[in-house]
């Protein structure tokens, strides 16, 4: 019998399928044992069932189509507070953390796109999706969603991703690729990883700070200053995951924070807990002595 602590989820980022498209990424989740063969560390990660990254929707600026072909997912920490997530759903930009329960059998895929494309793809403004998860058939015709689901059920996940990607790309208007001030601002914020002032962005784009704030918020769903903080937070999460906990003090300056206290406060604001608490396994059945805060977060469960 398999050790229950060796059962988890394999995350794969399908970079080749997203190349040369306006999409941010394509990914898949699949139940897997720890000894799931040789993984490519550039785009594959094995997540323990208690891993907080598997159990939390962290703040982000992107929008995702999520197709769940396994057990139902839910939000909420407890059963009374849970809300089931539609099998074919749209996850909007999130500005606050949301607890996620993924079910025992995991088989899912996702297509991630910039929030600037929300109106083109879904026909609704980006602000309408902020901090929300809605059914895909709320924004796409039900018969089209049913056909899409039927085409995915028995296919390998990479093939299914290609089908969803192509369905999404067909909805994009040619003008969606043309440069705009909003796209220039998002590009600058993203390439600078949030470490740029709003005044600098306004000057770069040749518009007033007030004009930028109105247009940027309407296009992305998030005000530019908050967008910058979320981008910086996302960079911080990746940096902390890749760094031994003994070296976290040095991460603060690299990620654009004044000092370590500033970094911890910002992380707590977006994740709901300081990093040394958040990255510990989220599972009450794990004995405390199995958790040792040493090395990188992936090594804390012994």
C-alpha atoms as a PDB file:
ATOM      1  CA  UNK A   1       0.000   0.000   0.000  1.00  0.00           C
ATOM      2  CA  UNK A   2       1.264   3.487  -0.819  1.00  0.00           C
ATOM      3  CA  UNK A   3       2.347   5.721   2.024  1.00  0.00           C
ATOM      4  CA  UNK A   4      -0.400   8.377   2.240  1.00  0.00           C
ATOM      5  CA  UNK A   5       2.276  10.990   2.837  1.00  0.00           C
ATOM      6  CA  UNK A   6       3.769  10.125  -0.570  1.00  0.00           C
ATOM      7  CA  UNK A   7       0.542  10.867  -2.454  1.00  0.00           C
ATOM      8  CA  UNK A   8       0.301  14.304  -3.973  1.00  0.00           C
ATOM      9  CA  UNK A   9      -0.241  16.287  -7.152  1.00  0.00           C
ATOM     10  CA  UNK A  10       2.055  16.783 -10.124  1.00  0.00           C
ATOM     11  CA  UNK A  11       1.989  20.321 -11.507  1.00  0.00           C
ATOM     12  CA  UNK A  12       3.225  20.732 -15.085  1.00  0.00           C
ATOM     13  CA  UNK A  13       3.623  24.000 -16.952  1.00  0.00           C
ATOM     14  CA  UNK A  14       3.201  23.453 -20.702  1.00  0.00           C
ATOM     15  CA  UNK A  15       5.415  26.234 -22.007  1.00  0.00           C
ATOM     16  CA  UNK A  16       5.662  25.074 -25.616  1.00  0.00           C
ATOM     17  CA  UNK A  17       1.855  25.146 -25.981  1.00  0.00           C
ATOM     18  CA  UNK A  18       1.732  28.773 -24.797  1.00  0.00           C
ATOM     19  CA  UNK A  19       4.668  29.976 -26.906  1.00  0.00           C
ATOM     20  CA  UNK A  20       3.975  32.613 -29.550  1.00  0.00           C
ATOM     21  CA  UNK A  21       0.511  33.334 -28.131  1.00  0.00           C
ATOM     22  CA  UNK A  22      -0.738  36.233 -25.959  1.00  0.00           C
ATOM     23  CA  UNK A  23      -1.455  33.727 -23.163  1.00  0.00           C
ATOM     24  CA  UNK A  24       0.477  33.839 -19.905  1.00  0.00           C
ATOM     25  CA  UNK A  25       0.704  30.078 -19.332  1.00  0.00           C
ATOM     26  CA  UNK A  26      -0.939  26.668 -19.651  1.00  0.00           C
ATOM     27  CA  UNK A  27      -0.772  24.146 -16.837  1.00  0.00           C
ATOM     28  CA  UNK A  28      -2.078  20.797 -15.646  1.00  0.00           C
ATOM     29  CA  UNK A  29      -2.622  19.146 -12.235  1.00  0.00           C
ATOM     30  CA  UNK A  30      -2.690  15.367 -11.875  1.00  0.00           C
ATOM     31  CA  UNK A  31      -2.711  13.018  -8.879  1.00  0.00           C
ATOM     32  CA  UNK A  32       0.675  11.356  -8.532  1.00  0.00           C
ATOM     33  CA  UNK A  33       2.926   9.594  -6.056  1.00  0.00           C
ATOM     34  CA  UNK A  34       6.180  11.252  -5.070  1.00  0.00           C
ATOM     35  CA  UNK A  35       8.142   8.669  -7.070  1.00  0.00           C
ATOM     36  CA  UNK A  36       6.481   9.800 -10.306  1.00  0.00           C
ATOM     37  CA  UNK A  37       9.623   9.425 -12.409  1.00  0.00           C
ATOM     38  CA  UNK A  38      12.165  11.963 -13.516  1.00  0.00           C
ATOM     39  CA  UNK A  39      10.776  15.504 -13.340  1.00  0.00           C
ATOM     40  CA  UNK A  40      12.005  18.470 -15.325  1.00  0.00           C
ATOM     41  CA  UNK A  41      12.658  21.105 -12.602  1.00  0.00           C
ATOM     42  CA  UNK A  42      12.139  23.903 -15.136  1.00  0.00           C
ATOM     43  CA  UNK A  43       8.409  23.278 -15.433  1.00  0.00           C
ATOM     44  CA  UNK A  44       7.340  20.329 -13.248  1.00  0.00           C
ATOM     45  CA  UNK A  45       6.749  20.252  -9.500  1.00  0.00           C
ATOM     46  CA  UNK A  46       5.432  17.568  -7.178  1.00  0.00           C
ATOM     47  CA  UNK A  47       3.206  19.031  -4.454  1.00  0.00           C
ATOM     48  CA  UNK A  48       2.362  17.238  -1.224  1.00  0.00           C
ATOM     49  CA  UNK A  49      -1.373  17.243  -0.472  1.00  0.00           C
ATOM     50  CA  UNK A  50      -0.703  19.545   2.474  1.00  0.00           C
ATOM     51  CA  UNK A  51       1.368  22.015   0.454  1.00  0.00           C
ATOM     52  CA  UNK A  52      -0.098  25.522   0.976  1.00  0.00           C
ATOM     53  CA  UNK A  53       0.444  26.302  -2.710  1.00  0.00           C
ATOM     54  CA  UNK A  54      -2.007  23.517  -3.559  1.00  0.00           C
ATOM     55  CA  UNK A  55      -4.516  24.683  -0.965  1.00  0.00           C
ATOM     56  CA  UNK A  56      -4.519  28.447  -1.460  1.00  0.00           C
ATOM     57  CA  UNK A  57      -5.476  30.803  -4.258  1.00  0.00           C
ATOM     58  CA  UNK A  58      -2.910  33.543  -3.794  1.00  0.00           C
ATOM     59  CA  UNK A  59      -3.379  37.113  -5.039  1.00  0.00           C
ATOM     60  CA  UNK A  60      -2.545  37.512  -8.714  1.00  0.00           C
ATOM     61  CA  UNK A  61      -3.240  39.816 -11.642  1.00  0.00           C
ATOM     62  CA  UNK A  62      -4.160  37.145 -14.209  1.00  0.00           C
ATOM     63  CA  UNK A  63      -7.396  35.431 -15.265  1.00  0.00           C
ATOM     64  CA  UNK A  64      -7.692  31.658 -15.739  1.00  0.00           C
ATOM     65  CA  UNK A  65      -9.998  29.154 -17.360  1.00  0.00           C
ATOM     66  CA  UNK A  66      -9.876  26.087 -15.124  1.00  0.00           C
ATOM     67  CA  UNK A  67     -11.235  22.734 -16.357  1.00  0.00           C
ATOM     68  CA  UNK A  68     -11.626  20.199 -13.560  1.00  0.00           C
ATOM     69  CA  UNK A  69     -11.945  16.618 -14.810  1.00  0.00           C
ATOM     70  CA  UNK A  70     -11.495  14.954 -11.406  1.00  0.00           C
ATOM     71  CA  UNK A  71     -13.183  15.289  -8.020  1.00  0.00           C
ATOM     72  CA  UNK A  72     -14.977  18.581  -7.359  1.00  0.00           C
ATOM     73  CA  UNK A  73     -13.047  21.485  -5.865  1.00  0.00           C
ATOM     74  CA  UNK A  74     -14.333  23.901  -3.253  1.00  0.00           C
ATOM     75  CA  UNK A  75     -13.365  27.138  -1.567  1.00  0.00           C
ATOM     76  CA  UNK A  76     -13.552  27.620   2.183  1.00  0.00           C
ATOM     77  CA  UNK A  77     -11.657  26.205   5.159  1.00  0.00           C
ATOM     78  CA  UNK A  78     -14.484  24.053   6.527  1.00  0.00           C
ATOM     79  CA  UNK A  79     -17.353  22.074   5.053  1.00  0.00           C
ATOM     80  CA  UNK A  80     -20.055  24.459   6.383  1.00  0.00           C
ATOM     81  CA  UNK A  81     -18.245  27.400   4.818  1.00  0.00           C
ATOM     82  CA  UNK A  82     -17.423  25.635   1.544  1.00  0.00           C
ATOM     83  CA  UNK A  83     -18.624  26.638  -1.892  1.00  0.00           C
ATOM     84  CA  UNK A  84     -18.295  24.181  -4.771  1.00  0.00           C
ATOM     85  CA  UNK A  85     -16.406  25.401  -7.807  1.00  0.00           C
ATOM     86  CA  UNK A  86     -17.997  24.701 -11.218  1.00  0.00           C
ATOM     87  CA  UNK A  87     -16.072  22.017 -13.167  1.00  0.00           C
ATOM     88  CA  UNK A  88     -15.522  24.505 -16.006  1.00  0.00           C
ATOM     89  CA  UNK A  89     -14.876  27.873 -14.452  1.00  0.00           C
ATOM     90  CA  UNK A  90     -13.215  31.255 -14.743  1.00  0.00           C
ATOM     91  CA  UNK A  91     -10.946  32.477 -11.956  1.00  0.00           C
ATOM     92  CA  UNK A  92     -10.605  36.260 -11.913  1.00  0.00           C
ATOM     93  CA  UNK A  93      -7.745  38.362 -10.576  1.00  0.00           C
ATOM     94  CA  UNK A  94      -7.470  37.968  -6.796  1.00  0.00           C
ATOM     95  CA  UNK A  95      -6.401  40.691  -4.400  1.00  0.00           C
ATOM     96  CA  UNK A  96      -6.771  38.554  -1.261  1.00  0.00           C
ATOM     97  CA  UNK A  97      -6.047  34.877  -0.479  1.00  0.00           C
ATOM     98  CA  UNK A  98      -8.723  32.219  -0.811  1.00  0.00           C
ATOM     99  CA  UNK A  99      -8.546  28.756   0.770  1.00  0.00           C
ATOM    100  CA  UNK A 100      -8.914  25.944  -1.788  1.00  0.00           C
ATOM    101  CA  UNK A 101      -9.888  22.287  -1.333  1.00  0.00           C
ATOM    102  CA  UNK A 102      -9.016  20.224  -4.414  1.00  0.00           C
ATOM    103  CA  UNK A 103     -10.548  16.806  -3.663  1.00  0.00           C
ATOM    104  CA  UNK A 104      -8.824  13.414  -3.572  1.00  0.00           C
ATOM    105  CA  UNK A 105      -8.595  12.542  -7.281  1.00  0.00           C
ATOM    106  CA  UNK A 106      -7.021  15.504  -9.069  1.00  0.00           C
ATOM    107  CA  UNK A 107      -7.089  15.887 -12.844  1.00  0.00           C
ATOM    108  CA  UNK A 108      -7.353  19.438 -14.106  1.00  0.00           C
ATOM    109  CA  UNK A 109      -5.972  21.873 -16.640  1.00  0.00           C
ATOM    110  CA  UNK A 110      -5.804  25.629 -16.869  1.00  0.00           C
ATOM    111  CA  UNK A 111      -5.265  28.353 -19.433  1.00  0.00           C
ATOM    112  CA  UNK A 112      -4.009  31.645 -17.986  1.00  0.00           C
ATOM    113  CA  UNK A 113      -4.334  34.989 -19.737  1.00  0.00           C
ATOM    114  CA  UNK A 114      -3.625  38.641 -18.960  1.00  0.00           C
ATOM    115  CA  UNK A 115      -6.622  40.415 -17.446  1.00  0.00           C
ATOM    116  CA  UNK A 116      -6.364  42.933 -20.309  1.00  0.00           C
ATOM    117  CA  UNK A 117      -7.946  40.258 -22.541  1.00  0.00           C
ATOM    118  CA  UNK A 118     -10.939  39.667 -20.268  1.00  0.00           C
ATOM    119  CA  UNK A 119     -13.466  41.634 -22.307  1.00  0.00           C
ATOM    120  CA  UNK A 120     -12.304  40.112 -25.612  1.00  0.00           C
ATOM    121  CA  UNK A 121     -12.437  36.521 -24.351  1.00  0.00           C
ATOM    122  CA  UNK A 122     -15.390  36.615 -21.947  1.00  0.00           C
ATOM    123  CA  UNK A 123     -17.380  39.683 -22.985  1.00  0.00           C
ATOM    124  CA  UNK A 124     -17.288  41.199 -19.493  1.00  0.00           C
ATOM    125  CA  UNK A 125     -15.042  43.936 -18.042  1.00  0.00           C
ATOM    126  CA  UNK A 126     -12.123  42.790 -15.905  1.00  0.00           C
ATOM    127  CA  UNK A 127     -13.434  44.530 -12.727  1.00  0.00           C
ATOM    128  CA  UNK A 128     -16.468  42.202 -12.807  1.00  0.00           C
ATOM    129  CA  UNK A 129     -14.218  39.179 -12.211  1.00  0.00           C
ATOM    130  CA  UNK A 130     -12.013  40.490  -9.394  1.00  0.00           C
ATOM    131  CA  UNK A 131     -12.002  38.080  -6.403  1.00  0.00           C
ATOM    132  CA  UNK A 132     -14.588  35.880  -8.123  1.00  0.00           C
ATOM    133  CA  UNK A 133     -14.884  32.357  -9.529  1.00  0.00           C
ATOM    134  CA  UNK A 134     -17.735  31.957 -12.014  1.00  0.00           C
ATOM    135  CA  UNK A 135     -19.003  29.156 -14.241  1.00  0.00           C
ATOM    136  CA  UNK A 136     -17.608  29.272 -17.776  1.00  0.00           C
ATOM    137  CA  UNK A 137     -21.157  28.962 -19.152  1.00  0.00           C
ATOM    138  CA  UNK A 138     -21.991  32.275 -17.457  1.00  0.00           C
ATOM    139  CA  UNK A 139     -19.860  34.001 -20.100  1.00  0.00           C
ATOM    140  CA  UNK A 140     -19.739  31.471 -22.962  1.00  0.00           C
ATOM    141  CA  UNK A 141     -22.783  29.787 -24.595  1.00  0.00           C
ATOM    142  CA  UNK A 142     -23.810  26.676 -22.671  1.00  0.00           C
ATOM    143  CA  UNK A 143     -23.830  24.421 -25.728  1.00  0.00           C
ATOM    144  CA  UNK A 144     -20.269  25.485 -26.578  1.00  0.00           C
ATOM    145  CA  UNK A 145     -19.123  24.770 -23.021  1.00  0.00           C
ATOM    146  CA  UNK A 146     -20.838  21.355 -23.094  1.00  0.00           C
ATOM    147  CA  UNK A 147     -19.088  20.472 -26.377  1.00  0.00           C
ATOM    148  CA  UNK A 148     -15.769  21.605 -24.957  1.00  0.00           C
ATOM    149  CA  UNK A 149     -16.230  19.463 -21.853  1.00  0.00           C
ATOM    150  CA  UNK A 150     -17.188  16.442 -23.929  1.00  0.00           C
ATOM    151  CA  UNK A 151     -14.067  16.837 -26.070  1.00  0.00           C
ATOM    152  CA  UNK A 152     -11.817  16.824 -22.993  1.00  0.00           C
ATOM    153  CA  UNK A 153     -13.120  13.989 -20.827  1.00  0.00           C
ATOM    154  CA  UNK A 154     -11.138  11.105 -22.329  1.00  0.00           C
ATOM    155  CA  UNK A 155      -8.171  12.979 -23.772  1.00  0.00           C
ATOM    156  CA  UNK A 156      -4.659  13.251 -22.309  1.00  0.00           C
ATOM    157  CA  UNK A 157      -4.253  16.550 -20.496  1.00  0.00           C
ATOM    158  CA  UNK A 158      -1.747  18.075 -22.989  1.00  0.00           C
ATOM    159  CA  UNK A 159      -4.184  17.412 -25.860  1.00  0.00           C
ATOM    160  CA  UNK A 160      -7.012  18.905 -23.851  1.00  0.00           C
ATOM    161  CA  UNK A 161      -4.989  22.019 -23.162  1.00  0.00           C
ATOM    162  CA  UNK A 162      -4.476  22.542 -26.879  1.00  0.00           C
ATOM    163  CA  UNK A 163      -8.244  22.327 -27.456  1.00  0.00           C
ATOM    164  CA  UNK A 164      -9.040  24.880 -24.726  1.00  0.00           C
ATOM    165  CA  UNK A 165      -6.231  27.164 -25.891  1.00  0.00           C
ATOM    166  CA  UNK A 166      -7.500  27.138 -29.483  1.00  0.00           C
ATOM    167  CA  UNK A 167     -11.095  27.795 -28.366  1.00  0.00           C
ATOM    168  CA  UNK A 168      -9.902  30.794 -26.409  1.00  0.00           C
ATOM    169  CA  UNK A 169      -7.637  32.191 -29.132  1.00  0.00           C
ATOM    170  CA  UNK A 170     -10.468  32.075 -31.678  1.00  0.00           C
ATOM    171  CA  UNK A 171     -12.314  34.591 -29.533  1.00  0.00           C
ATOM    172  CA  UNK A 172      -9.574  37.202 -29.654  1.00  0.00           C
ATOM    173  CA  UNK A 173     -10.152  40.166 -31.926  1.00  0.00           C
ATOM    174  CA  UNK A 174      -7.118  41.075 -34.066  1.00  0.00           C
ATOM    175  CA  UNK A 175      -7.002  44.460 -32.338  1.00  0.00           C
ATOM    176  CA  UNK A 176      -6.331  42.681 -29.028  1.00  0.00           C
ATOM    177  CA  UNK A 177      -2.691  42.426 -30.083  1.00  0.00           C
ATOM    178  CA  UNK A 178      -2.249  46.117 -30.922  1.00  0.00           C
ATOM    179  CA  UNK A 179      -0.222  48.277 -28.509  1.00  0.00           C
ATOM    180  CA  UNK A 180      -2.155  50.511 -26.103  1.00  0.00           C
ATOM    181  CA  UNK A 181      -1.181  52.682 -23.161  1.00  0.00           C
ATOM    182  CA  UNK A 182      -2.696  50.145 -20.775  1.00  0.00           C
ATOM    183  CA  UNK A 183      -0.645  47.330 -22.313  1.00  0.00           C
ATOM    184  CA  UNK A 184       2.506  49.452 -22.147  1.00  0.00           C
ATOM    185  CA  UNK A 185       1.873  50.119 -18.451  1.00  0.00           C
ATOM    186  CA  UNK A 186       1.253  46.432 -17.688  1.00  0.00           C
ATOM    187  CA  UNK A 187       4.400  45.477 -19.602  1.00  0.00           C
ATOM    188  CA  UNK A 188       6.494  47.973 -17.647  1.00  0.00           C
ATOM    189  CA  UNK A 189       5.079  46.842 -14.299  1.00  0.00           C
ATOM    190  CA  UNK A 190       5.643  43.204 -15.180  1.00  0.00           C
ATOM    191  CA  UNK A 191       9.166  43.530 -16.557  1.00  0.00           C
ATOM    192  CA  UNK A 192      10.173  45.685 -13.582  1.00  0.00           C
ATOM    193  CA  UNK A 193       8.463  43.151 -11.282  1.00  0.00           C
ATOM    194  CA  UNK A 194       6.414  45.808  -9.573  1.00  0.00           C
ATOM    195  CA  UNK A 195       9.430  47.903  -8.595  1.00  0.00           C
ATOM    196  CA  UNK A 196       8.456  51.092 -10.395  1.00  0.00           C
ATOM    197  CA  UNK A 197       6.501  54.142  -9.227  1.00  0.00           C
ATOM    198  CA  UNK A 198       3.146  55.134 -10.689  1.00  0.00           C
ATOM    199  CA  UNK A 199       4.604  58.546 -11.546  1.00  0.00           C
ATOM    200  CA  UNK A 200       7.352  56.837 -13.552  1.00  0.00           C
ATOM    201  CA  UNK A 201       4.763  54.749 -15.395  1.00  0.00           C
ATOM    202  CA  UNK A 202       2.657  57.830 -16.166  1.00  0.00           C
ATOM    203  CA  UNK A 203       5.711  59.644 -17.504  1.00  0.00           C
ATOM    204  CA  UNK A 204       6.741  56.599 -19.555  1.00  0.00           C
ATOM    205  CA  UNK A 205       3.243  56.389 -21.087  1.00  0.00           C
ATOM    206  CA  UNK A 206       2.879  60.153 -21.565  1.00  0.00           C
ATOM    207  CA  UNK A 207      -0.363  60.480 -19.563  1.00  0.00           C
ATOM    208  CA  UNK A 208      -1.405  61.920 -16.229  1.00  0.00           C
ATOM    209  CA  UNK A 209      -1.410  59.820 -13.084  1.00  0.00           C
ATOM    210  CA  UNK A 210      -5.191  60.248 -12.785  1.00  0.00           C
ATOM    211  CA  UNK A 211      -5.838  59.194 -16.402  1.00  0.00           C
ATOM    212  CA  UNK A 212      -3.608  56.151 -15.975  1.00  0.00           C
ATOM    213  CA  UNK A 213      -5.391  55.146 -12.772  1.00  0.00           C
ATOM    214  CA  UNK A 214      -8.837  55.255 -14.377  1.00  0.00           C
ATOM    215  CA  UNK A 215      -7.928  53.491 -17.608  1.00  0.00           C
ATOM    216  CA  UNK A 216      -5.614  50.941 -16.037  1.00  0.00           C
ATOM    217  CA  UNK A 217      -8.161  49.913 -13.393  1.00  0.00           C
ATOM    218  CA  UNK A 218     -10.922  49.585 -15.982  1.00  0.00           C
ATOM    219  CA  UNK A 219      -8.717  47.440 -18.231  1.00  0.00           C
ATOM    220  CA  UNK A 220      -7.168  45.117 -15.633  1.00  0.00           C
ATOM    221  CA  UNK A 221      -9.649  45.250 -12.753  1.00  0.00           C
ATOM    222  CA  UNK A 222      -6.921  46.362 -10.341  1.00  0.00           C
ATOM    223  CA  UNK A 223      -5.554  49.898  -9.685  1.00  0.00           C
ATOM    224  CA  UNK A 224      -1.947  50.319 -10.864  1.00  0.00           C
ATOM    225  CA  UNK A 225      -0.440  50.686  -7.370  1.00  0.00           C
ATOM    226  CA  UNK A 226      -2.131  47.519  -6.122  1.00  0.00           C
ATOM    227  CA  UNK A 227      -1.221  45.746  -9.381  1.00  0.00           C
ATOM    228  CA  UNK A 228       2.432  46.643  -8.748  1.00  0.00           C
ATOM    229  CA  UNK A 229       2.292  45.312  -5.178  1.00  0.00           C
ATOM    230  CA  UNK A 230       0.727  42.022  -6.309  1.00  0.00           C
ATOM    231  CA  UNK A 231       3.369  41.587  -9.033  1.00  0.00           C
ATOM    232  CA  UNK A 232       6.078  42.190  -6.426  1.00  0.00           C
ATOM    233  CA  UNK A 233       4.382  39.731  -4.050  1.00  0.00           C
ATOM    234  CA  UNK A 234       4.294  37.048  -6.737  1.00  0.00           C
ATOM    235  CA  UNK A 235       8.013  37.569  -7.362  1.00  0.00           C
ATOM    236  CA  UNK A 236       8.611  37.315  -3.613  1.00  0.00           C
ATOM    237  CA  UNK A 237       6.770  33.976  -3.376  1.00  0.00           C
ATOM    238  CA  UNK A 238       8.985  32.474  -6.095  1.00  0.00           C
ATOM    239  CA  UNK A 239      12.134  33.861  -4.459  1.00  0.00           C
ATOM    240  CA  UNK A 240      11.261  32.483  -1.018  1.00  0.00           C
ATOM    241  CA  UNK A 241      10.433  29.062  -2.453  1.00  0.00           C
ATOM    242  CA  UNK A 242      13.845  28.886  -4.111  1.00  0.00           C
ATOM    243  CA  UNK A 243      15.846  30.147  -1.097  1.00  0.00           C
ATOM    244  CA  UNK A 244      16.990  28.483   2.132  1.00  0.00           C
ATOM    245  CA  UNK A 245      15.060  30.027   5.025  1.00  0.00           C
ATOM    246  CA  UNK A 246      18.383  31.140   6.540  1.00  0.00           C
ATOM    247  CA  UNK A 247      18.867  33.418   3.513  1.00  0.00           C
ATOM    248  CA  UNK A 248      15.428  35.034   3.489  1.00  0.00           C
ATOM    249  CA  UNK A 249      16.747  38.280   4.995  1.00  0.00           C
ATOM    250  CA  UNK A 250      18.662  38.884   1.782  1.00  0.00           C
ATOM    251  CA  UNK A 251      15.571  38.347  -0.367  1.00  0.00           C
ATOM    252  CA  UNK A 252      13.871  41.535   0.847  1.00  0.00           C
ATOM    253  CA  UNK A 253      16.116  44.021  -0.962  1.00  0.00           C
ATOM    254  CA  UNK A 254      16.258  41.889  -4.124  1.00  0.00           C
ATOM    255  CA  UNK A 255      12.436  41.816  -4.252  1.00  0.00           C
ATOM    256  CA  UNK A 256      12.122  45.601  -3.865  1.00  0.00           C
ATOM    257  CA  UNK A 257      11.292  45.920  -0.134  1.00  0.00           C
ATOM    258  CA  UNK A 258      12.770  48.457   2.289  1.00  0.00           C
ATOM    259  CA  UNK A 259      13.771  45.767   4.784  1.00  0.00           C
ATOM    260  CA  UNK A 260      12.764  42.335   6.072  1.00  0.00           C
ATOM    261  CA  UNK A 261       9.968  43.739   8.271  1.00  0.00           C
ATOM    262  CA  UNK A 262       8.428  45.446   5.242  1.00  0.00           C
ATOM    263  CA  UNK A 263       8.655  42.182   3.298  1.00  0.00           C
ATOM    264  CA  UNK A 264       7.001  40.148   6.064  1.00  0.00           C
ATOM    265  CA  UNK A 265       4.180  42.670   6.538  1.00  0.00           C
ATOM    266  CA  UNK A 266       3.436  42.778   2.820  1.00  0.00           C
ATOM    267  CA  UNK A 267       3.510  38.989   2.585  1.00  0.00           C
ATOM    268  CA  UNK A 268       1.132  38.689   5.553  1.00  0.00           C
ATOM    269  CA  UNK A 269      -1.232  41.169   3.941  1.00  0.00           C
ATOM    270  CA  UNK A 270      -1.496  39.145   0.734  1.00  0.00           C
ATOM    271  CA  UNK A 271      -1.151  35.561   2.052  1.00  0.00           C
ATOM    272  CA  UNK A 272      -2.895  35.901   5.411  1.00  0.00           C
ATOM    273  CA  UNK A 273       0.153  34.817   7.431  1.00  0.00           C
ATOM    274  CA  UNK A 274       3.900  35.537   7.600  1.00  0.00           C
ATOM    275  CA  UNK A 275       5.996  33.349   5.273  1.00  0.00           C
ATOM    276  CA  UNK A 276       7.385  30.990   7.966  1.00  0.00           C
ATOM    277  CA  UNK A 277       3.773  30.204   8.959  1.00  0.00           C
ATOM    278  CA  UNK A 278       2.205  30.180   5.494  1.00  0.00           C
ATOM    279  CA  UNK A 279       4.683  27.749   3.912  1.00  0.00           C
ATOM    280  CA  UNK A 280       4.212  25.117   6.612  1.00  0.00           C
ATOM    281  CA  UNK A 281       2.013  22.155   5.549  1.00  0.00           C
ATOM    282  CA  UNK A 282      -1.739  22.807   5.819  1.00  0.00           C
ATOM    283  CA  UNK A 283      -2.864  19.504   7.312  1.00  0.00           C
ATOM    284  CA  UNK A 284      -3.961  18.889  10.907  1.00  0.00           C
ATOM    285  CA  UNK A 285      -3.166  15.159  10.569  1.00  0.00           C
ATOM    286  CA  UNK A 286       0.584  15.774  10.207  1.00  0.00           C
ATOM    287  CA  UNK A 287       2.499  15.348  13.457  1.00  0.00           C
ATOM    288  CA  UNK A 288       4.248  18.614  14.482  1.00  0.00           C
ATOM    289  CA  UNK A 289       7.611  16.841  14.750  1.00  0.00           C
ATOM    290  CA  UNK A 290       7.499  16.129  11.000  1.00  0.00           C
ATOM    291  CA  UNK A 291       7.640  19.867  10.262  1.00  0.00           C
ATOM    292  CA  UNK A 292      11.083  21.446  10.551  1.00  0.00           C
ATOM    293  CA  UNK A 293      11.630  24.968   9.276  1.00  0.00           C
ATOM    294  CA  UNK A 294      15.005  24.283   7.686  1.00  0.00           C
ATOM    295  CA  UNK A 295      16.148  24.662   4.102  1.00  0.00           C
ATOM    296  CA  UNK A 296      13.721  25.616   1.344  1.00  0.00           C
ATOM    297  CA  UNK A 297       9.952  25.350   2.050  1.00  0.00           C
ATOM    298  CA  UNK A 298       9.689  22.141  -0.015  1.00  0.00           C
ATOM    299  CA  UNK A 299      12.040  20.512   2.536  1.00  0.00           C
ATOM    300  CA  UNK A 300      10.159  21.472   5.693  1.00  0.00           C
ATOM    301  CA  UNK A 301       8.043  18.283   5.791  1.00  0.00           C
ATOM    302  CA  UNK A 302      10.220  15.394   6.993  1.00  0.00           C
END
